[in-house]
Protein backbone atom coordinates (compact mmCIF):
# COMPACT_ATOMS: atom_id res chain seq x y z
CA MET A 1 84.50 7.32 9.63
CA GLY A 2 81.81 6.92 7.06
CA ALA A 3 81.84 10.69 6.45
CA ARG A 4 78.98 12.32 4.28
CA MET A 5 78.91 15.60 2.93
CA THR A 6 75.70 17.65 2.28
CA SER A 7 75.68 20.78 0.15
CA LEU A 8 75.72 22.04 -3.28
CA ILE A 9 79.58 21.37 -3.06
CA ASN A 10 78.29 16.97 -4.12
CA ASN A 11 77.05 18.44 -7.39
CA PHE A 12 80.78 19.21 -7.65
CA LEU A 13 82.56 16.19 -6.25
CA GLU A 14 83.15 12.54 -8.00
CA GLN A 15 83.03 11.17 -4.78
CA THR A 16 80.97 12.06 -1.57
CA ASP A 17 81.74 8.62 1.27
CA PHE A 18 84.57 8.21 2.81
CA GLU A 19 85.76 5.23 4.77
CA SER A 20 88.52 7.40 6.20
CA TYR A 21 90.73 9.73 5.76
CA ASP A 22 93.67 8.65 3.82
CA ASP A 23 90.52 7.71 1.64
CA PHE A 24 89.43 11.27 1.56
CA TYR A 25 92.84 12.28 0.80
CA THR A 26 93.27 9.66 -1.65
CA ASN A 27 89.96 10.44 -3.83
CA PHE A 28 88.57 13.80 -3.19
CA LYS A 29 88.51 15.49 -6.14
CA ILE A 30 86.67 18.85 -7.29
CA ASN A 31 84.74 18.90 -10.39
CA ILE A 32 84.75 22.53 -11.93
CA PRO A 33 83.08 23.10 -14.74
CA GLU A 34 84.16 24.98 -18.21
CA ASN A 35 82.57 27.89 -17.36
CA PHE A 36 82.13 27.99 -13.52
CA ASN A 37 80.62 31.09 -11.56
CA PHE A 38 80.77 31.04 -8.35
CA VAL A 39 77.79 34.01 -8.35
CA TYR A 40 75.60 31.70 -10.88
CA ASP A 41 76.57 28.09 -10.23
CA VAL A 42 76.42 28.78 -5.93
CA VAL A 43 74.64 32.12 -4.71
CA ASP A 44 72.09 31.77 -7.59
CA ARG A 45 71.36 28.28 -7.27
CA TYR A 46 71.11 28.59 -3.79
CA ALA A 47 68.89 31.91 -3.79
CA ARG A 48 66.13 29.52 -5.78
CA GLU A 49 66.17 26.44 -3.39
CA GLN A 50 67.47 27.60 -0.14
CA PRO A 51 66.36 31.14 -0.60
CA GLU A 52 66.22 31.73 3.38
CA LYS A 53 69.37 30.01 4.26
CA LYS A 54 71.74 32.61 5.88
CA ALA A 55 74.84 33.41 3.44
CA ILE A 56 76.59 35.91 5.40
CA VAL A 57 76.39 37.15 8.96
CA TRP A 58 78.36 40.58 9.45
CA CYS A 59 79.37 42.79 12.62
CA ASN A 60 81.19 45.39 13.55
CA ASP A 61 82.62 46.55 16.29
CA ASN A 62 79.98 48.75 17.27
CA SER A 63 77.45 45.57 18.00
CA GLU A 64 76.63 46.15 14.81
CA GLU A 65 75.25 43.07 12.92
CA LYS A 66 73.26 42.36 9.52
CA ILE A 67 72.32 39.04 8.08
CA PHE A 68 72.02 38.39 4.64
CA THR A 69 70.50 35.41 3.28
CA PHE A 70 71.26 34.12 -0.22
CA ALA A 71 68.40 35.61 -1.71
CA ASP A 72 69.37 38.97 -0.46
CA LEU A 73 72.69 38.75 -1.75
CA LYS A 74 71.48 37.35 -5.03
CA TYR A 75 69.46 40.66 -5.40
CA TYR A 76 71.48 43.09 -3.74
CA SER A 77 74.77 41.93 -6.60
CA GLU A 78 72.52 42.18 -9.19
CA LYS A 79 72.08 45.40 -8.40
CA ALA A 80 76.02 45.84 -7.87
CA ALA A 81 76.17 44.57 -11.34
CA ASN A 82 73.55 46.67 -13.01
CA LEU A 83 76.00 49.62 -10.99
CA PHE A 84 79.06 48.76 -12.27
CA SER A 85 77.33 48.17 -15.71
CA GLU A 86 76.24 51.34 -16.09
CA TYR A 87 78.95 52.62 -15.42
CA GLY A 88 81.05 51.00 -18.37
CA ILE A 89 82.14 47.83 -16.24
CA LYS A 90 82.93 45.07 -18.05
CA LYS A 91 83.65 41.37 -18.26
CA GLY A 92 87.86 42.30 -17.67
CA ASP A 93 87.58 45.40 -16.62
CA VAL A 94 89.34 45.87 -13.02
CA VAL A 95 87.80 47.45 -10.27
CA LYS A 96 90.18 48.28 -6.90
CA LEU A 97 87.95 47.07 -3.54
CA THR A 98 89.24 49.24 -1.04
CA LEU A 99 85.84 48.35 1.39
CA LYS A 100 88.12 47.44 5.07
CA GLY A 101 85.74 44.92 6.57
CA ARG A 102 82.49 46.24 5.30
CA TYR A 103 79.63 43.68 4.57
CA GLU A 104 79.15 45.56 0.82
CA PHE A 105 82.95 44.01 -0.24
CA TRP A 106 80.97 41.03 -0.75
CA ILE A 107 78.27 42.26 -2.17
CA CYS A 108 80.40 44.15 -4.77
CA ILE A 109 82.78 40.97 -5.05
CA LEU A 110 79.63 39.01 -5.84
CA GLY A 111 78.66 41.75 -8.81
CA LEU A 112 81.49 42.01 -9.91
CA HIS A 113 81.77 38.21 -10.71
CA ARG A 114 78.44 38.33 -12.10
CA ILE A 115 79.56 40.62 -15.02
CA GLY A 116 83.01 38.79 -14.97
CA ALA A 117 85.20 41.38 -14.17
CA ILE A 118 88.17 41.23 -11.67
CA ALA A 119 87.45 42.42 -8.16
CA LEU A 120 91.21 43.89 -6.87
CA PRO A 121 90.74 43.88 -2.94
CA GLY A 122 93.22 46.19 -1.27
CA THR A 123 93.78 47.52 2.07
CA HIS A 124 92.55 51.27 3.13
CA MET A 125 96.43 52.01 4.69
CA LEU A 126 97.42 51.97 0.49
CA THR A 127 99.41 55.32 0.13
CA THR A 128 99.29 57.32 -3.17
CA ARG A 129 102.36 55.92 -4.31
CA ASP A 130 101.27 52.14 -3.77
CA LEU A 131 97.85 53.22 -5.97
CA LYS A 132 99.85 54.75 -8.73
CA TYR A 133 101.81 51.70 -9.03
CA ARG A 134 98.03 49.43 -9.02
CA ILE A 135 96.41 51.53 -11.12
CA GLU A 136 99.23 51.76 -13.83
CA ARG A 137 100.01 48.07 -13.45
CA ALA A 138 96.57 46.60 -13.38
CA ASP A 139 94.73 48.54 -15.52
CA ILE A 140 92.24 49.41 -12.67
CA GLN A 141 89.21 51.32 -14.17
CA MET A 142 87.07 51.87 -10.73
CA VAL A 143 87.71 51.85 -7.40
CA VAL A 144 85.37 51.81 -4.80
CA SER A 145 86.29 52.65 -1.41
CA ASP A 146 85.13 53.14 2.67
CA ALA A 147 84.73 56.91 3.29
CA ASP A 148 87.98 56.65 5.36
CA GLU A 149 89.42 60.29 5.08
CA GLY A 150 93.45 59.77 4.32
CA LEU A 151 93.22 56.91 2.20
CA LEU A 152 89.87 59.21 0.13
CA ASP A 153 92.80 62.03 -0.10
CA HIS A 154 96.07 59.24 -1.54
CA ILE A 155 92.93 58.53 -4.33
CA ASP A 156 91.81 61.65 -5.50
CA GLU A 157 95.46 62.41 -5.57
CA ALA A 158 96.48 59.18 -7.57
CA HIS A 159 93.27 59.98 -10.00
CA ARG A 160 95.19 63.29 -10.86
CA ASP A 161 97.97 61.29 -12.98
CA PHE A 162 95.95 58.46 -13.86
CA LYS A 163 92.25 60.06 -15.21
CA ASP A 164 93.08 58.11 -18.58
CA VAL A 165 92.79 54.56 -17.10
CA LEU A 166 91.12 55.28 -13.44
CA LYS A 167 87.54 56.22 -15.19
CA HIS A 168 85.73 56.37 -11.71
CA LYS A 169 85.55 56.29 -8.06
CA PHE A 170 82.83 55.47 -5.34
CA VAL A 171 82.97 55.94 -1.58
CA THR A 172 80.44 54.21 0.60
CA GLN A 173 78.73 55.93 3.34
CA VAL A 174 78.57 55.00 7.15
C-alpha cells in the first residue's frame, strides 16, 4: 500500500509509513503531548507555517459562503478569547454555544480553547427547562446564541432564575 501521510499530524505520530491496512491497524498511534491545545499546537502552527491554507469553507442555505484561512482563524479566535476574558471567562469556565450552523461557532470554540474554557455546544431547540437544567448542572457562566427569537426567550427565562450562575448572554447578529 505504501500510504504516506503528509500533514501536521506527522508531528504527533510514531509511524507515518504503512505497508498495508493490517500494518496501519496494528501500528498507528497518536502521541498527544501532555499540554496539548488544539488552538496553539495546530491552528496557530498552521497560521505561522501556511497562513493562507484554507481551514473552513462555510456556506448556508442562501448560498452565502465564507472562507477562513488558518491566519483568519488565529486572528478571530484571539479576538474571541479576548472578549471572553474581558467578561471574566477563564480556564475551566463553561460557555454554552447555541449557534446552529453558523461560522461563529468555530471562532467561539477556538477562542474558548485558547483560554482553557469549556465550550458546551447545544441545539437551538432547548426549552427553558432544558437550559435551567444545563445551567445548574454545568455551572454555565455565559451563553452565546444565534438570534433565534424563541431560543432567546428561553434563555432570558432561564437567566431570571440563575443570575448568580449565568452571568452573561451574547447574541450573534445576522
